[in-house]
C-alpha atoms as a PDB file:
ATOM      1  CA  UNK A   1      -0.217  -0.020  -0.354  1.00  0.00           C
ATOM      2  CA  UNK A   2       1.127   3.324  -1.146  1.00  0.00           C
ATOM      3  CA  UNK A   3       1.424   6.247   1.515  1.00  0.00           C
ATOM      4  CA  UNK A   4      -1.513   8.592  -0.152  1.00  0.00           C
ATOM      5  CA  UNK A   5      -4.085   5.833   0.080  1.00  0.00           C
ATOM      6  CA  UNK A   6      -5.856   4.267   2.702  1.00  0.00           C
ATOM      7  CA  UNK A   7      -4.506   0.850   4.141  1.00  0.00           C
ATOM      8  CA  UNK A   8      -6.214  -2.221   2.622  1.00  0.00           C
ATOM      9  CA  UNK A   9      -7.951  -4.123   5.106  1.00  0.00           C
ATOM     10  CA  UNK A  10     -10.374  -6.990   4.529  1.00  0.00           C
ATOM     11  CA  UNK A  11     -13.268  -4.820   4.273  1.00  0.00           C
ATOM     12  CA  UNK A  12     -12.196  -2.895   1.364  1.00  0.00           C
ATOM     13  CA  UNK A  13     -13.961  -3.847  -1.529  1.00  0.00           C
ATOM     14  CA  UNK A  14     -12.392  -6.139  -3.714  1.00  0.00           C
ATOM     15  CA  UNK A  15     -12.588  -4.037  -6.734  1.00  0.00           C
ATOM     16  CA  UNK A  16     -10.279  -1.477  -4.356  1.00  0.00           C
ATOM     17  CA  UNK A  17      -7.978  -4.124  -3.790  1.00  0.00           C
ATOM     18  CA  UNK A  18      -7.633  -4.809  -7.655  1.00  0.00           C
ATOM     19  CA  UNK A  19      -7.210  -0.921  -8.628  1.00  0.00           C
ATOM     20  CA  UNK A  20      -4.237  -0.864  -5.709  1.00  0.00           C
ATOM     21  CA  UNK A  21      -0.465  -1.319  -6.971  1.00  0.00           C
ATOM     22  CA  UNK A  22       0.151  -3.474  -3.552  1.00  0.00           C
ATOM     23  CA  UNK A  23      -2.896  -5.221  -3.270  1.00  0.00           C
ATOM     24  CA  UNK A  24      -3.901  -5.875  -7.391  1.00  0.00           C
ATOM     25  CA  UNK A  25      -0.433  -8.243  -7.700  1.00  0.00           C
ATOM     26  CA  UNK A  26      -1.688  -9.690  -4.435  1.00  0.00           C
ATOM     27  CA  UNK A  27      -4.862 -10.629  -5.468  1.00  0.00           C
ATOM     28  CA  UNK A  28      -3.928 -11.496  -9.297  1.00  0.00           C
ATOM     29  CA  UNK A  29      -1.660 -13.930  -7.914  1.00  0.00           C
ATOM     30  CA  UNK A  30      -4.396 -15.905  -5.848  1.00  0.00           C
ATOM     31  CA  UNK A  31      -6.133 -15.937  -8.853  1.00  0.00           C
ATOM     32  CA  UNK A  32      -3.214 -16.938 -11.120  1.00  0.00           C
ATOM     33  CA  UNK A  33      -3.402 -20.204  -8.371  1.00  0.00           C
ATOM     34  CA  UNK A  34      -6.943 -21.036  -9.270  1.00  0.00           C
ATOM     35  CA  UNK A  35      -6.702 -20.685 -12.961  1.00  0.00           C
ATOM     36  CA  UNK A  36      -8.696 -17.792 -13.308  1.00  0.00           C
ATOM     37  CA  UNK A  37      -8.336 -14.000 -14.519  1.00  0.00           C
ATOM     38  CA  UNK A  38      -9.703 -10.496 -13.018  1.00  0.00           C
ATOM     39  CA  UNK A  39     -12.692 -11.012 -15.268  1.00  0.00           C
ATOM     40  CA  UNK A  40     -13.870 -13.918 -12.310  1.00  0.00           C
ATOM     41  CA  UNK A  41     -14.115 -11.098  -9.644  1.00  0.00           C
ATOM     42  CA  UNK A  42     -16.233  -8.580 -11.853  1.00  0.00           C
ATOM     43  CA  UNK A  43     -19.197  -9.557 -10.550  1.00  0.00           C
ATOM     44  CA  UNK A  44     -17.792  -9.450  -6.805  1.00  0.00           C
ATOM     45  CA  UNK A  45     -15.826  -6.068  -7.086  1.00  0.00           C
ATOM     46  CA  UNK A  46     -17.892  -3.973  -5.109  1.00  0.00           C
ATOM     47  CA  UNK A  47     -18.164  -6.381  -2.181  1.00  0.00           C
ATOM     48  CA  UNK A  48     -15.378  -6.837   0.868  1.00  0.00           C
ATOM     49  CA  UNK A  49     -12.586  -9.146   0.443  1.00  0.00           C
ATOM     50  CA  UNK A  50     -13.945 -10.424   3.536  1.00  0.00           C
ATOM     51  CA  UNK A  51     -16.933 -11.981   1.703  1.00  0.00           C
ATOM     52  CA  UNK A  52     -14.899 -14.082  -0.611  1.00  0.00           C
ATOM     53  CA  UNK A  53     -14.089 -16.465   2.963  1.00  0.00           C
ATOM     54  CA  UNK A  54     -18.211 -16.819   2.858  1.00  0.00           C
ATOM     55  CA  UNK A  55     -18.807 -17.281  -1.096  1.00  0.00           C
ATOM     56  CA  UNK A  56     -16.043 -20.038  -0.801  1.00  0.00           C
ATOM     57  CA  UNK A  57     -18.054 -22.607   1.331  1.00  0.00           C
ATOM     58  CA  UNK A  58     -15.144 -23.724   3.093  1.00  0.00           C
ATOM     59  CA  UNK A  59     -12.739 -23.020   0.270  1.00  0.00           C
ATOM     60  CA  UNK A  60     -11.234 -20.107   1.289  1.00  0.00           C
ATOM     61  CA  UNK A  61     -10.173 -20.304   4.924  1.00  0.00           C
ATOM     62  CA  UNK A  62      -9.939 -16.881   7.097  1.00  0.00           C
ATOM     63  CA  UNK A  63      -6.060 -17.390   7.067  1.00  0.00           C
ATOM     64  CA  UNK A  64      -5.785 -16.536   3.514  1.00  0.00           C
ATOM     65  CA  UNK A  65      -7.403 -12.984   3.906  1.00  0.00           C
ATOM     66  CA  UNK A  66      -5.302 -12.179   6.968  1.00  0.00           C
ATOM     67  CA  UNK A  67      -2.442 -12.948   5.263  1.00  0.00           C
ATOM     68  CA  UNK A  68      -3.182 -10.984   2.711  1.00  0.00           C
ATOM     69  CA  UNK A  69      -3.886  -7.879   4.720  1.00  0.00           C
ATOM     70  CA  UNK A  70      -0.672  -8.645   6.095  1.00  0.00           C
ATOM     71  CA  UNK A  71       1.541  -8.691   2.867  1.00  0.00           C
ATOM     72  CA  UNK A  72      -0.486  -5.667   1.593  1.00  0.00           C
ATOM     73  CA  UNK A  73       0.335  -3.294   4.439  1.00  0.00           C
ATOM     74  CA  UNK A  74       3.969  -4.537   5.056  1.00  0.00           C
ATOM     75  CA  UNK A  75       3.275  -6.980   7.225  1.00  0.00           C
ATOM     76  CA  UNK A  76       1.800  -4.746  10.124  1.00  0.00           C
ATOM     77  CA  UNK A  77      -2.408  -5.248  10.626  1.00  0.00           C
ATOM     78  CA  UNK A  78      -3.739  -2.212   9.681  1.00  0.00           C
ATOM     79  CA  UNK A  79      -6.804  -0.398  12.022  1.00  0.00           C
ATOM     80  CA  UNK A  80     -10.038  -1.253  10.471  1.00  0.00           C
ATOM     81  CA  UNK A  81     -13.126   0.435  11.154  1.00  0.00           C
ATOM     82  CA  UNK A  82     -15.528  -1.808  10.254  1.00  0.00           C
ATOM     83  CA  UNK A  83     -16.581  -0.301   7.202  1.00  0.00           C
ATOM     84  CA  UNK A  84     -15.763  -1.213   3.377  1.00  0.00           C
ATOM     85  CA  UNK A  85     -15.010   1.520   0.743  1.00  0.00           C
ATOM     86  CA  UNK A  86     -18.671   0.572  -0.830  1.00  0.00           C
ATOM     87  CA  UNK A  87     -21.962   0.910   0.581  1.00  0.00           C
ATOM     88  CA  UNK A  88     -22.304   0.757   5.001  1.00  0.00           C
ATOM     89  CA  UNK A  89     -25.443  -0.408   6.365  1.00  0.00           C
ATOM     90  CA  UNK A  90     -26.747   2.464   8.456  1.00  0.00           C
ATOM     91  CA  UNK A  91     -28.837   1.224  11.316  1.00  0.00           C
ATOM     92  CA  UNK A  92     -31.999   2.738  12.020  1.00  0.00           C
ATOM     93  CA  UNK A  93     -32.507   3.271  16.049  1.00  0.00           C
ATOM     94  CA  UNK A  94     -36.248   2.044  17.197  1.00  0.00           C
ATOM     95  CA  UNK A  95     -37.460   1.188  13.785  1.00  0.00           C
ATOM     96  CA  UNK A  96     -39.062  -1.793  15.200  1.00  0.00           C
ATOM     97  CA  UNK A  97     -39.731  -0.644  18.455  1.00  0.00           C
ATOM     98  CA  UNK A  98     -42.514  -2.584  20.363  1.00  0.00           C
ATOM     99  CA  UNK A  99     -42.907  -4.910  17.311  1.00  0.00           C
ATOM    100  CA  UNK A 100     -42.399  -8.614  17.192  1.00  0.00           C
ATOM    101  CA  UNK A 101     -40.867  -9.946  13.768  1.00  0.00           C
ATOM    102  CA  UNK A 102     -40.898 -13.591  12.583  1.00  0.00           C
ATOM    103  CA  UNK A 103     -38.009 -14.686  10.630  1.00  0.00           C
ATOM    104  CA  UNK A 104     -37.523 -18.075   8.976  1.00  0.00           C
ATOM    105  CA  UNK A 105     -34.040 -18.912   7.879  1.00  0.00           C
ATOM    106  CA  UNK A 106     -32.759 -16.847  10.334  1.00  0.00           C
ATOM    107  CA  UNK A 107     -29.558 -18.815  11.329  1.00  0.00           C
ATOM    108  CA  UNK A 108     -27.346 -17.872   8.534  1.00  0.00           C
ATOM    109  CA  UNK A 109     -27.189 -15.631   5.220  1.00  0.00           C
ATOM    110  CA  UNK A 110     -30.143 -13.210   4.643  1.00  0.00           C
ATOM    111  CA  UNK A 111     -32.435 -14.294   6.991  1.00  0.00           C
ATOM    112  CA  UNK A 112     -29.661 -13.874   9.708  1.00  0.00           C
ATOM    113  CA  UNK A 113     -29.005 -10.532   8.640  1.00  0.00           C
ATOM    114  CA  UNK A 114     -32.445  -9.652   8.598  1.00  0.00           C
ATOM    115  CA  UNK A 115     -33.380 -11.059  12.131  1.00  0.00           C
ATOM    116  CA  UNK A 116     -30.213  -8.812  13.341  1.00  0.00           C
ATOM    117  CA  UNK A 117     -30.378  -5.710  11.527  1.00  0.00           C
ATOM    118  CA  UNK A 118     -34.611  -6.143  13.354  1.00  0.00           C
ATOM    119  CA  UNK A 119     -33.023  -6.500  16.612  1.00  0.00           C
ATOM    120  CA  UNK A 120     -30.758  -3.718  16.314  1.00  0.00           C
ATOM    121  CA  UNK A 121     -33.229  -1.749  15.177  1.00  0.00           C
ATOM    122  CA  UNK A 122     -35.368  -2.365  18.472  1.00  0.00           C
ATOM    123  CA  UNK A 123     -37.591  -5.039  17.596  1.00  0.00           C
ATOM    124  CA  UNK A 124     -38.557  -8.136  19.268  1.00  0.00           C
ATOM    125  CA  UNK A 125     -37.170 -10.928  16.749  1.00  0.00           C
ATOM    126  CA  UNK A 126     -38.809 -14.633  16.388  1.00  0.00           C
ATOM    127  CA  UNK A 127     -36.066 -16.284  14.945  1.00  0.00           C
ATOM    128  CA  UNK A 128     -36.591 -19.865  13.284  1.00  0.00           C
ATOM    129  CA  UNK A 129     -34.267 -22.299  11.811  1.00  0.00           C
ATOM    130  CA  UNK A 130     -33.588 -26.116  11.648  1.00  0.00           C
ATOM    131  CA  UNK A 131     -29.870 -25.553  13.313  1.00  0.00           C
ATOM    132  CA  UNK A 132     -30.138 -25.335  17.086  1.00  0.00           C
ATOM    133  CA  UNK A 133     -26.437 -24.376  17.489  1.00  0.00           C
ATOM    134  CA  UNK A 134     -26.312 -21.359  14.807  1.00  0.00           C
ATOM    135  CA  UNK A 135     -29.497 -20.159  15.986  1.00  0.00           C
ATOM    136  CA  UNK A 136     -27.761 -20.412  19.712  1.00  0.00           C
ATOM    137  CA  UNK A 137     -24.841 -18.132  17.983  1.00  0.00           C
ATOM    138  CA  UNK A 138     -27.127 -15.562  16.834  1.00  0.00           C
ATOM    139  CA  UNK A 139     -28.600 -14.861  19.939  1.00  0.00           C
ATOM    140  CA  UNK A 140     -25.593 -14.704  21.735  1.00  0.00           C
ATOM    141  CA  UNK A 141     -23.854 -12.420  19.181  1.00  0.00           C
ATOM    142  CA  UNK A 142     -26.638  -9.460  20.341  1.00  0.00           C
ATOM    143  CA  UNK A 143     -26.918 -10.599  24.199  1.00  0.00           C
ATOM    144  CA  UNK A 144     -29.065  -7.394  24.927  1.00  0.00           C
ATOM    145  CA  UNK A 145     -31.738  -7.796  21.859  1.00  0.00           C
ATOM    146  CA  UNK A 146     -34.816  -9.376  22.428  1.00  0.00           C
ATOM    147  CA  UNK A 147     -34.603 -12.401  19.835  1.00  0.00           C
ATOM    148  CA  UNK A 148     -36.706 -15.707  20.861  1.00  0.00           C
ATOM    149  CA  UNK A 149     -35.046 -18.783  18.563  1.00  0.00           C
ATOM    150  CA  UNK A 150     -37.199 -21.242  17.949  1.00  0.00           C
ATOM    151  CA  UNK A 151     -35.681 -24.418  16.093  1.00  0.00           C
ATOM    152  CA  UNK A 152     -38.240 -25.639  13.964  1.00  0.00           C
ATOM    153  CA  UNK A 153     -39.208 -27.207  10.319  1.00  0.00           C
ATOM    154  CA  UNK A 154     -41.614 -24.659   8.253  1.00  0.00           C
ATOM    155  CA  UNK A 155     -42.626 -27.834   6.414  1.00  0.00           C
ATOM    156  CA  UNK A 156     -44.199 -29.550   9.433  1.00  0.00           C
ATOM    157  CA  UNK A 157     -47.305 -28.137  10.908  1.00  0.00           C
ATOM    158  CA  UNK A 158     -46.435 -29.286  14.394  1.00  0.00           C
ATOM    159  CA  UNK A 159     -43.670 -26.620  14.041  1.00  0.00           C
ATOM    160  CA  UNK A 160     -45.605 -23.895  12.261  1.00  0.00           C
ATOM    161  CA  UNK A 161     -47.874 -24.006  15.494  1.00  0.00           C
ATOM    162  CA  UNK A 162     -44.913 -23.912  18.318  1.00  0.00           C
ATOM    163  CA  UNK A 163     -43.181 -20.699  15.964  1.00  0.00           C
ATOM    164  CA  UNK A 164     -46.800 -19.309  16.112  1.00  0.00           C
ATOM    165  CA  UNK A 165     -46.921 -19.980  19.910  1.00  0.00           C
ATOM    166  CA  UNK A 166     -43.515 -18.589  20.590  1.00  0.00           C
ATOM    167  CA  UNK A 167     -44.799 -15.120  18.946  1.00  0.00           C
ATOM    168  CA  UNK A 168     -47.730 -14.601  21.088  1.00  0.00           C
ATOM    169  CA  UNK A 169     -50.786 -12.917  20.670  1.00  0.00           C
ATOM    170  CA  UNK A 170     -49.695  -9.955  19.112  1.00  0.00           C
ATOM    171  CA  UNK A 171     -47.450 -10.556  15.457  1.00  0.00           C
ATOM    172  CA  UNK A 172     -46.544  -7.363  13.349  1.00  0.00           C
ATOM    173  CA  UNK A 173     -44.049  -8.683  10.662  1.00  0.00           C
ATOM    174  CA  UNK A 174     -43.107 -11.768   9.244  1.00  0.00           C
ATOM    175  CA  UNK A 175     -40.224 -12.655   6.738  1.00  0.00           C
ATOM    176  CA  UNK A 176     -40.232 -15.967   5.198  1.00  0.00           C
ATOM    177  CA  UNK A 177     -36.235 -16.003   4.118  1.00  0.00           C
ATOM    178  CA  UNK A 178     -35.824 -19.622   4.596  1.00  0.00           C
ATOM    179  CA  UNK A 179     -34.877 -21.546   1.556  1.00  0.00           C
ATOM    180  CA  UNK A 180     -32.860 -23.969  -0.649  1.00  0.00           C
ATOM    181  CA  UNK A 181     -31.744 -24.377  -3.793  1.00  0.00           C
ATOM    182  CA  UNK A 182     -32.640 -26.991  -6.521  1.00  0.00           C
ATOM    183  CA  UNK A 183     -29.753 -29.324  -8.502  1.00  0.00           C
ATOM    184  CA  UNK A 184     -30.594 -26.742 -11.633  1.00  0.00           C
ATOM    185  CA  UNK A 185     -32.378 -29.410 -13.765  1.00  0.00           C
ATOM    186  CA  UNK A 186     -34.934 -29.143 -16.758  1.00  0.00           C
ATOM    187  CA  UNK A 187     -38.188 -30.532 -16.204  1.00  0.00           C
ATOM    188  CA  UNK A 188     -37.805 -33.825 -17.626  1.00  0.00           C
ATOM    189  CA  UNK A 189     -34.881 -34.755 -15.426  1.00  0.00           C
ATOM    190  CA  UNK A 190     -36.212 -33.424 -12.315  1.00  0.00           C
ATOM    191  CA  UNK A 191     -36.884 -35.737  -9.509  1.00  0.00           C
ATOM    192  CA  UNK A 192     -39.553 -36.395  -7.008  1.00  0.00           C
ATOM    193  CA  UNK A 193     -37.332 -36.292  -4.152  1.00  0.00           C
ATOM    194  CA  UNK A 194     -36.367 -32.689  -5.709  1.00  0.00           C
ATOM    195  CA  UNK A 195     -39.312 -31.183  -6.409  1.00  0.00           C
ATOM    196  CA  UNK A 196     -40.953 -32.095  -3.200  1.00  0.00           C
ATOM    197  CA  UNK A 197     -37.768 -30.658  -0.950  1.00  0.00           C
ATOM    198  CA  UNK A 198     -37.735 -27.493  -3.123  1.00  0.00           C
ATOM    199  CA  UNK A 199     -41.478 -26.820  -3.578  1.00  0.00           C
ATOM    200  CA  UNK A 200     -42.253 -27.664   0.569  1.00  0.00           C
ATOM    201  CA  UNK A 201     -39.049 -25.330   2.150  1.00  0.00           C
ATOM    202  CA  UNK A 202     -39.270 -22.716  -0.841  1.00  0.00           C
ATOM    203  CA  UNK A 203     -43.554 -22.238  -0.893  1.00  0.00           C
ATOM    204  CA  UNK A 204     -45.550 -24.435   1.235  1.00  0.00           C
ATOM    205  CA  UNK A 205     -43.703 -23.369   4.528  1.00  0.00           C
ATOM    206  CA  UNK A 206     -43.640 -19.961   3.599  1.00  0.00           C
ATOM    207  CA  UNK A 207     -47.698 -20.257   2.456  1.00  0.00           C
ATOM    208  CA  UNK A 208     -47.818 -22.542   5.966  1.00  0.00           C
ATOM    209  CA  UNK A 209     -46.863 -19.559   8.449  1.00  0.00           C
ATOM    210  CA  UNK A 210     -48.463 -17.100   6.817  1.00  0.00           C
ATOM    211  CA  UNK A 211     -51.499 -18.811   7.139  1.00  0.00           C
ATOM    212  CA  UNK A 212     -51.080 -19.424  10.975  1.00  0.00           C
ATOM    213  CA  UNK A 213     -49.670 -15.872  11.521  1.00  0.00           C
ATOM    214  CA  UNK A 214     -52.472 -13.749   9.268  1.00  0.00           C
ATOM    215  CA  UNK A 215     -55.106 -13.909  11.968  1.00  0.00           C
ATOM    216  CA  UNK A 216     -53.482 -12.173  14.540  1.00  0.00           C
ATOM    217  CA  UNK A 217     -52.878  -9.553  11.786  1.00  0.00           C
ATOM    218  CA  UNK A 218     -56.092  -9.425  10.801  1.00  0.00           C
ATOM    219  CA  UNK A 219     -57.113  -8.987  15.000  1.00  0.00           C
ATOM    220  CA  UNK A 220     -55.412  -5.404  14.887  1.00  0.00           C
ATOM    221  CA  UNK A 221     -55.653  -4.489  11.549  1.00  0.00           C
ATOM    222  CA  UNK A 222     -52.354  -4.345  10.811  1.00  0.00           C
ATOM    223  CA  UNK A 223     -48.992  -6.511   9.825  1.00  0.00           C
ATOM    224  CA  UNK A 224     -46.402  -7.104   6.673  1.00  0.00           C
ATOM    225  CA  UNK A 225     -45.106 -10.240   5.417  1.00  0.00           C
ATOM    226  CA  UNK A 226     -41.965 -10.109   2.826  1.00  0.00           C
ATOM    227  CA  UNK A 227     -41.814 -13.332   0.977  1.00  0.00           C
ATOM    228  CA  UNK A 228     -38.261 -14.250  -0.514  1.00  0.00           C
ATOM    229  CA  UNK A 229     -39.019 -14.685  -4.142  1.00  0.00           C
ATOM    230  CA  UNK A 230     -36.035 -14.529  -6.248  1.00  0.00           C
ATOM    231  CA  UNK A 231     -34.682 -13.131  -9.844  1.00  0.00           C
ATOM    232  CA  UNK A 232     -35.739 -16.823 -10.894  1.00  0.00           C
ATOM    233  CA  UNK A 233     -39.208 -15.760 -10.069  1.00  0.00           C
ATOM    234  CA  UNK A 234     -39.389 -13.148 -12.559  1.00  0.00           C
ATOM    235  CA  UNK A 235     -37.512 -15.323 -15.506  1.00  0.00           C
ATOM    236  CA  UNK A 236     -36.946 -18.985 -16.232  1.00  0.00           C
ATOM    237  CA  UNK A 237     -33.080 -18.397 -16.879  1.00  0.00           C
ATOM    238  CA  UNK A 238     -31.888 -18.603 -13.471  1.00  0.00           C
ATOM    239  CA  UNK A 239     -32.211 -21.942 -12.175  1.00  0.00           C
ATOM    240  CA  UNK A 240     -33.857 -25.220 -12.350  1.00  0.00           C
ATOM    241  CA  UNK A 241     -37.547 -26.262 -12.754  1.00  0.00           C
ATOM    242  CA  UNK A 242     -38.207 -26.733  -8.956  1.00  0.00           C
ATOM    243  CA  UNK A 243     -36.606 -23.657  -8.013  1.00  0.00           C
ATOM    244  CA  UNK A 244     -37.694 -21.579 -10.924  1.00  0.00           C
ATOM    245  CA  UNK A 245     -41.754 -22.647 -10.420  1.00  0.00           C
ATOM    246  CA  UNK A 246     -41.375 -22.318  -6.107  1.00  0.00           C
ATOM    247  CA  UNK A 247     -40.514 -18.420  -6.805  1.00  0.00           C
ATOM    248  CA  UNK A 248     -42.791 -18.169  -9.018  1.00  0.00           C
ATOM    249  CA  UNK A 249     -45.224 -19.618  -6.622  1.00  0.00           C
ATOM    250  CA  UNK A 250     -44.066 -17.035  -4.264  1.00  0.00           C
ATOM    251  CA  UNK A 251     -44.537 -14.194  -6.421  1.00  0.00           C
ATOM    252  CA  UNK A 252     -48.285 -15.315  -6.844  1.00  0.00           C
ATOM    253  CA  UNK A 253     -48.229 -16.254  -3.308  1.00  0.00           C
ATOM    254  CA  UNK A 254     -47.608 -12.394  -2.502  1.00  0.00           C
ATOM    255  CA  UNK A 255     -49.864 -10.894  -4.796  1.00  0.00           C
ATOM    256  CA  UNK A 256     -52.779 -12.915  -4.244  1.00  0.00           C
ATOM    257  CA  UNK A 257     -52.637 -12.202  -0.260  1.00  0.00           C
ATOM    258  CA  UNK A 258     -51.853  -8.644  -0.888  1.00  0.00           C
ATOM    259  CA  UNK A 259     -55.176  -8.421  -3.250  1.00  0.00           C
ATOM    260  CA  UNK A 260     -56.983 -10.005  -0.495  1.00  0.00           C
ATOM    261  CA  UNK A 261     -56.083  -8.496   3.046  1.00  0.00           C
ATOM    262  CA  UNK A 262     -55.015  -5.314   1.644  1.00  0.00           C
ATOM    263  CA  UNK A 263     -58.112  -3.645   2.433  1.00  0.00           C
ATOM    264  CA  UNK A 264     -58.070  -4.693   6.019  1.00  0.00           C
ATOM    265  CA  UNK A 265     -54.780  -3.049   6.680  1.00  0.00           C
ATOM    266  CA  UNK A 266     -52.179  -5.984   5.743  1.00  0.00           C
ATOM    267  CA  UNK A 267     -49.034  -5.439   3.363  1.00  0.00           C
ATOM    268  CA  UNK A 268     -47.703  -8.332   1.992  1.00  0.00           C
ATOM    269  CA  UNK A 269     -44.976  -7.836  -0.722  1.00  0.00           C
ATOM    270  CA  UNK A 270     -41.707  -9.798  -1.910  1.00  0.00           C
ATOM    271  CA  UNK A 271     -38.224  -8.934  -2.770  1.00  0.00           C
ATOM    272  CA  UNK A 272     -36.377 -11.005  -5.427  1.00  0.00           C
ATOM    273  CA  UNK A 273     -32.650 -11.341  -4.967  1.00  0.00           C
ATOM    274  CA  UNK A 274     -30.175 -11.726  -7.620  1.00  0.00           C
ATOM    275  CA  UNK A 275     -26.683 -12.887  -7.053  1.00  0.00           C
ATOM    276  CA  UNK A 276     -26.376 -12.722  -2.845  1.00  0.00           C
ATOM    277  CA  UNK A 277     -22.855 -13.763  -0.830  1.00  0.00           C
ATOM    278  CA  UNK A 278     -24.634 -16.291   1.459  1.00  0.00           C
ATOM    279  CA  UNK A 279     -22.537 -19.247   1.120  1.00  0.00           C
ATOM    280  CA  UNK A 280     -25.617 -21.301   0.442  1.00  0.00           C
ATOM    281  CA  UNK A 281     -24.715 -24.821  -0.312  1.00  0.00           C
ATOM    282  CA  UNK A 282     -24.814 -25.585  -4.183  1.00  0.00           C
ATOM    283  CA  UNK A 283     -26.180 -28.511  -5.369  1.00  0.00           C
ATOM    284  CA  UNK A 284     -23.570 -31.588  -4.752  1.00  0.00           C
ATOM    285  CA  UNK A 285     -24.559 -32.948  -8.303  1.00  0.00           C
ATOM    286  CA  UNK A 286     -25.793 -30.675 -10.702  1.00  0.00           C
ATOM    287  CA  UNK A 287     -27.495 -31.340 -13.546  1.00  0.00           C
ATOM    288  CA  UNK A 288     -25.487 -31.153 -16.860  1.00  0.00           C
ATOM    289  CA  UNK A 289     -28.020 -30.321 -19.242  1.00  0.00           C
ATOM    290  CA  UNK A 290     -29.125 -27.462 -17.176  1.00  0.00           C
ATOM    291  CA  UNK A 291     -26.004 -26.229 -15.717  1.00  0.00           C
ATOM    292  CA  UNK A 292     -24.871 -26.008 -19.512  1.00  0.00           C
ATOM    293  CA  UNK A 293     -27.918 -24.465 -20.595  1.00  0.00           C
ATOM    294  CA  UNK A 294     -28.190 -22.073 -17.952  1.00  0.00           C
ATOM    295  CA  UNK A 295     -24.223 -21.138 -17.370  1.00  0.00           C
ATOM    296  CA  UNK A 296     -24.329 -18.490 -20.026  1.00  0.00           C
ATOM    297  CA  UNK A 297     -26.954 -16.553 -18.089  1.00  0.00           C
ATOM    298  CA  UNK A 298     -25.839 -16.873 -14.738  1.00  0.00           C
ATOM    299  CA  UNK A 299     -22.441 -15.513 -15.994  1.00  0.00           C
ATOM    300  CA  UNK A 300     -24.082 -12.701 -17.191  1.00  0.00           C
ATOM    301  CA  UNK A 301     -25.304 -11.321 -13.674  1.00  0.00           C
ATOM    302  CA  UNK A 302     -24.194  -7.882 -13.034  1.00  0.00           C
ATOM    303  CA  UNK A 303     -23.414  -7.773  -9.169  1.00  0.00           C
ATOM    304  CA  UNK A 304     -23.440  -9.632  -6.213  1.00  0.00           C
ATOM    305  CA  UNK A 305     -24.774  -8.621  -3.100  1.00  0.00           C
ATOM    306  CA  UNK A 306     -23.949  -9.331   0.628  1.00  0.00           C
ATOM    307  CA  UNK A 307     -26.319 -10.779   2.643  1.00  0.00           C
ATOM    308  CA  UNK A 308     -27.421  -7.111   4.419  1.00  0.00           C
ATOM    309  CA  UNK A 309     -28.033  -5.505   1.251  1.00  0.00           C
ATOM    310  CA  UNK A 310     -31.259  -8.160   1.149  1.00  0.00           C
ATOM    311  CA  UNK A 311     -31.717  -7.419   4.697  1.00  0.00           C
ATOM    312  CA  UNK A 312     -31.815  -3.496   3.454  1.00  0.00           C
ATOM    313  CA  UNK A 313     -34.515  -4.315   1.560  1.00  0.00           C
ATOM    314  CA  UNK A 314     -36.660  -6.618   3.576  1.00  0.00           C
ATOM    315  CA  UNK A 315     -36.418  -4.415   6.417  1.00  0.00           C
ATOM    316  CA  UNK A 316     -38.029  -1.578   4.564  1.00  0.00           C
ATOM    317  CA  UNK A 317     -40.401  -3.436   3.376  1.00  0.00           C
ATOM    318  CA  UNK A 318     -41.559  -4.935   6.658  1.00  0.00           C
ATOM    319  CA  UNK A 319     -41.457  -1.412   8.212  1.00  0.00           C
ATOM    320  CA  UNK A 320     -43.296   1.528   8.486  1.00  0.00           C
ATOM    321  CA  UNK A 321     -41.460   3.337   5.617  1.00  0.00           C
ATOM    322  CA  UNK A 322     -43.156   1.209   3.553  1.00  0.00           C
ATOM    323  CA  UNK A 323     -46.750   1.823   4.168  1.00  0.00           C
ATOM    324  CA  UNK A 324     -48.030   2.687   1.082  1.00  0.00           C
ATOM    325  CA  UNK A 325     -46.469  -0.643  -0.581  1.00  0.00           C
ATOM    326  CA  UNK A 326     -48.374  -3.588  -0.917  1.00  0.00           C
ATOM    327  CA  UNK A 327     -48.549  -6.164  -3.563  1.00  0.00           C
ATOM    328  CA  UNK A 328     -45.241  -5.122  -4.870  1.00  0.00           C
ATOM    329  CA  UNK A 329     -42.458  -7.356  -6.231  1.00  0.00           C
ATOM    330  CA  UNK A 330     -39.186  -5.638  -5.560  1.00  0.00           C
ATOM    331  CA  UNK A 331     -35.959  -6.683  -7.445  1.00  0.00           C
ATOM    332  CA  UNK A 332     -32.778  -6.692  -5.207  1.00  0.00           C
ATOM    333  CA  UNK A 333     -30.575  -7.850  -8.077  1.00  0.00           C
ATOM    334  CA  UNK A 334     -28.965  -5.012  -8.474  1.00  0.00           C
ATOM    335  CA  UNK A 335     -29.912  -4.465 -12.111  1.00  0.00           C
ATOM    336  CA  UNK A 336     -30.342  -8.110 -13.049  1.00  0.00           C
ATOM    337  CA  UNK A 337     -33.885  -7.895 -13.667  1.00  0.00           C
ATOM    338  CA  UNK A 338     -33.524  -4.960 -16.620  1.00  0.00           C
ATOM    339  CA  UNK A 339     -31.134  -7.333 -18.595  1.00  0.00           C
END
């Protein structure tokens, strides 16, 4: 790092690293070891370097990023303000004060970012996930926040009932975030197992939980539900058959409910993420035919977002700031939907 430029840290964007006279060669050397060039990082250039650890799904250990920071700064660890060179999350104090919001998939990725944002903005969060350990980590990371954890499977009615019971009589918001990917298979290759699991979690689970909480919202004439759809809910070339169908279904679920309950004070909206650096597991055995067909289109994703950027969109729609928005499907995709 040169003297007239700020120090490179793990929170500096990948684009900043690439443009730096010291950091650029370090990153390119790392890419060279993997046999790829700068173009591989173009969609993620606006992300902090630290996000590569999340996106690698265990392939890049934290020690690699720590070593890069040391080498870029002459062996000295620079002061890190925690802010990247790009977008910085700005918490709005008390935006959710007095409100109870259920968040599914809350132990990781977009769900965790949404749950923590609501909690830091004064809300009571009912955090739902199948992982007890990771829910414990979430609650432990915000010891002063009001977080109720529920280990549950949203495909099971008994667990749906337990989630609603944990929330109590007053439920102000619901973020249906939990979801899984498919194996990129086209329709004729889609197995019953893939179809049932993807539709069950991505669509039916959100339907059942919404059905469980809407009566409490109707009782007070207010409430907000945000469903996480996908770019795959807006087009046919973003993922496989089962995932694409499930997310188109989420769009239909959202619009129907918005129409039905809008006059009674409820707001039901959806966000449609594009590429997100969540580390969501990719299919172990992806369809060769589906992958070959999808790859040219997936490679045109204009940018990859952090989970916190999606949480910003979701919490906006859940909050009173979105008072006049009902039935919207908000593409939070860096502009992918306009291509």
